[in-house]
Amino acid sequence: MATQIDEAILAAAGDRWTKVAMVIARTARTLHGELPSGDQCHDEISQHIQALVADGRLAARGNIRDWRHSEVRRVGEH
């Protein structure tokens, strides 16, 4: 399941800077029914985003724990 979540996040992030809140919303919509509902779903996706940033698969601007005031994009794409 982790790989499926990560792939959905990477697809939602794309090659342009995108608000973390938007990436979480798009990912939750894509994986609808496969993750817990509500805040637990969003928190799980957020943890995966943090891991992808730490692994260097996503670039980040701002504090990614502040979803509405930070952005991510796939690494190597501008």
Protein backbone atom coordinates (compact mmCIF):
# COMPACT_ATOMS: atom_id res chain seq x y z
CA MET A 1 0.00 0.00 0.00
CA ALA A 2 2.88 2.39 0.73
CA THR A 3 4.03 2.25 -2.89
CA GLN A 4 0.50 2.96 -4.11
CA ILE A 5 0.23 5.99 -1.78
CA ASP A 6 3.65 7.26 -2.84
CA GLU A 7 2.84 6.91 -6.54
CA ALA A 8 -0.47 8.75 -6.07
CA ILE A 9 1.36 11.55 -4.23
CA LEU A 10 3.99 11.86 -6.96
CA ALA A 11 1.27 12.01 -9.62
CA ALA A 12 -0.64 14.66 -7.65
CA ALA A 13 2.49 16.76 -7.06
CA GLY A 14 3.51 16.96 -10.70
CA ASP A 15 6.33 19.06 -12.09
CA ARG A 16 5.15 22.46 -10.82
CA TRP A 17 5.12 23.77 -7.27
CA THR A 18 1.81 22.68 -5.75
CA LYS A 19 0.42 23.41 -2.28
CA VAL A 20 0.80 20.44 0.05
CA ALA A 21 -2.91 20.75 0.94
CA MET A 22 -3.82 20.29 -2.74
CA VAL A 23 -1.53 17.27 -3.10
CA ILE A 24 -3.16 15.72 -0.01
CA ALA A 25 -6.67 16.39 -1.36
CA ARG A 26 -5.86 14.97 -4.81
CA THR A 27 -4.21 11.90 -3.32
CA ALA A 28 -7.13 11.26 -0.95
CA ARG A 29 -9.55 11.55 -3.87
CA THR A 30 -7.46 9.14 -5.98
CA LEU A 31 -7.24 6.57 -3.18
CA HIS A 32 -10.82 7.04 -1.99
CA GLY A 33 -11.95 4.04 0.02
CA GLU A 34 -8.47 2.57 0.34
CA LEU A 35 -7.38 4.75 3.27
CA PRO A 36 -9.01 5.57 6.60
CA SER A 37 -11.48 8.44 6.36
CA GLY A 38 -11.13 12.02 7.57
CA ASP A 39 -8.12 13.46 9.32
CA GLN A 40 -6.46 10.08 9.71
CA CYS A 41 -6.32 9.76 5.91
CA HIS A 42 -4.83 13.23 5.49
CA ASP A 43 -2.29 12.65 8.26
CA GLU A 44 -1.16 9.38 6.67
CA ILE A 45 -0.68 11.06 3.29
CA SER A 46 1.19 13.92 4.97
CA GLN A 47 3.58 11.42 6.56
CA HIS A 48 4.25 9.88 3.16
CA ILE A 49 4.92 13.34 1.69
CA GLN A 50 7.43 14.01 4.47
CA ALA A 51 9.15 10.69 3.74
CA LEU A 52 9.29 11.43 -0.01
CA VAL A 53 10.89 14.81 0.73
CA ALA A 54 13.40 13.16 3.10
CA ASP A 55 14.19 10.53 0.42
CA GLY A 56 14.78 13.26 -2.18
CA ARG A 57 11.87 12.21 -4.43
CA LEU A 58 9.99 15.47 -3.79
CA ALA A 59 11.40 18.98 -3.47
CA ALA A 60 9.77 21.22 -0.87
CA ARG A 61 9.36 24.93 -0.19
CA GLY A 62 8.31 26.03 3.27
CA ASN A 63 7.39 23.95 6.29
CA ILE A 64 5.61 20.95 4.77
CA ARG A 65 3.76 20.37 8.04
CA ASP A 66 1.95 23.64 7.36
CA TRP A 67 -0.07 22.27 4.44
CA ARG A 68 -1.59 25.51 3.19
CA HIS A 69 1.66 27.47 3.27
CA SER A 70 4.11 25.01 1.73
CA GLU A 71 4.61 23.49 -1.70
CA VAL A 72 6.14 20.38 -3.24
CA ARG A 73 7.03 19.12 -6.71
CA ARG A 74 8.73 16.08 -8.16
CA VAL A 75 12.49 16.29 -8.12
CA GLY A 76 14.29 16.99 -11.37
CA GLU A 77 11.28 18.53 -13.09
CA HIS A 78 10.92 22.28 -13.50
